[in-house]
Amino acid sequence: MPADTSIEKAWTHLAKLARKIAATQNDMSGLSKPERRFQALLQSLPDEYTVIRDAIDAQDKSDVERGLQKLQEKEAQLKTTEAAL
């Protein structure tokens, strides 16, 4: 994931890709499930998200909305830190 891509944009992009893949390849239809897409999002995050990624991995993986909320909070924190520098 490029550093300038927001969590929300990345999530939307993954959802679109998953729909396209599922429409063309039956064996990849599992990507239409939010849990699978969320894991793909976690794996694509830059190093600055290592701690939050580890924390999310340690929690219940079925709560995608909570995980996205945590990632967006971290994203906002990183933006605030970058702006202060």
Protein backbone atom coordinates (compact mmCIF):
# COMPACT_ATOMS: atom_id res chain seq x y z
CA MET A 1 0.00 0.00 0.00
CA PRO A 2 1.48 3.36 -0.94
CA ALA A 3 2.18 5.57 2.08
CA ASP A 4 -0.14 8.31 0.81
CA THR A 5 -3.15 5.97 0.46
CA SER A 6 -5.72 6.23 3.24
CA ILE A 7 -7.06 3.17 5.04
CA GLU A 8 -10.54 3.92 3.71
CA LYS A 9 -9.34 4.19 0.09
CA ALA A 10 -7.32 0.99 0.41
CA TRP A 11 -10.34 -0.85 1.87
CA THR A 12 -12.60 0.38 -0.94
CA HIS A 13 -10.01 -0.59 -3.54
CA LEU A 14 -9.70 -4.09 -2.08
CA ALA A 15 -13.48 -4.51 -2.10
CA LYS A 16 -13.65 -3.54 -5.79
CA LEU A 17 -10.80 -5.89 -6.66
CA ALA A 18 -12.43 -8.71 -4.73
CA ARG A 19 -15.69 -8.29 -6.66
CA LYS A 20 -13.84 -8.34 -9.99
CA ILE A 21 -11.79 -11.39 -9.02
CA ALA A 22 -14.82 -13.26 -7.69
CA ALA A 23 -16.68 -12.55 -10.92
CA THR A 24 -13.93 -14.05 -13.05
CA GLN A 25 -12.35 -16.74 -10.87
CA ASN A 26 -14.58 -19.01 -8.80
CA ASP A 27 -11.65 -20.35 -6.77
CA MET A 28 -10.92 -16.82 -5.48
CA SER A 29 -14.47 -16.04 -4.36
CA GLY A 30 -13.34 -16.09 -0.70
CA LEU A 31 -11.93 -12.59 -1.22
CA SER A 32 -15.48 -11.26 -1.21
CA LYS A 33 -15.57 -11.97 2.53
CA PRO A 34 -14.63 -8.89 4.60
CA GLU A 35 -12.43 -10.98 6.91
CA ARG A 36 -10.23 -12.13 4.00
CA ARG A 37 -10.02 -8.63 2.55
CA PHE A 38 -9.11 -7.24 5.97
CA GLN A 39 -6.24 -9.71 6.28
CA ALA A 40 -5.03 -8.62 2.83
CA LEU A 41 -5.20 -5.00 3.97
CA LEU A 42 -3.24 -5.74 7.14
CA GLN A 43 -0.52 -7.48 5.16
CA SER A 44 -0.14 -4.52 2.80
CA LEU A 45 0.31 -1.84 5.48
CA PRO A 46 3.63 0.03 5.79
CA ASP A 47 6.00 -0.58 8.71
CA GLU A 48 4.53 2.31 10.72
CA TYR A 49 1.50 0.08 11.38
CA THR A 50 3.45 -2.87 12.82
CA VAL A 51 2.29 -2.41 16.42
CA ILE A 52 -1.39 -1.91 15.58
CA ARG A 53 -1.26 -4.77 13.07
CA ASP A 54 0.15 -7.07 15.76
CA ALA A 55 -2.52 -5.94 18.23
CA ILE A 56 -5.30 -6.59 15.71
CA ASP A 57 -3.86 -10.00 14.87
CA ALA A 58 -3.96 -10.90 18.55
CA GLN A 59 -7.65 -9.98 18.83
CA ASP A 60 -10.81 -11.47 17.38
CA LYS A 61 -10.36 -11.36 13.61
CA SER A 62 -14.08 -11.52 12.91
CA ASP A 63 -14.70 -7.89 13.93
CA VAL A 64 -13.59 -6.20 10.72
CA GLU A 65 -15.33 -2.90 11.46
CA ARG A 66 -13.50 -2.55 14.79
CA GLY A 67 -10.21 -3.38 13.09
CA LEU A 68 -10.81 -0.76 10.40
CA GLN A 69 -11.65 1.78 13.09
CA LYS A 70 -8.37 1.03 14.89
CA LEU A 71 -6.42 1.39 11.64
CA GLN A 72 -8.08 4.72 10.90
CA GLU A 73 -7.24 5.95 14.41
CA LYS A 74 -3.60 4.98 13.85
CA GLU A 75 -3.64 6.68 10.45
CA ALA A 76 -4.91 9.91 12.05
CA GLN A 77 -2.23 9.66 14.75
CA LEU A 78 0.50 9.22 12.13
CA LYS A 79 -0.77 12.20 10.15
CA THR A 80 -0.77 14.37 13.29
CA THR A 81 2.79 13.28 14.11
CA GLU A 82 3.97 13.98 10.55
CA ALA A 83 2.33 17.42 10.59
CA ALA A 84 4.09 18.28 13.86
CA LEU A 85 7.47 17.54 12.33
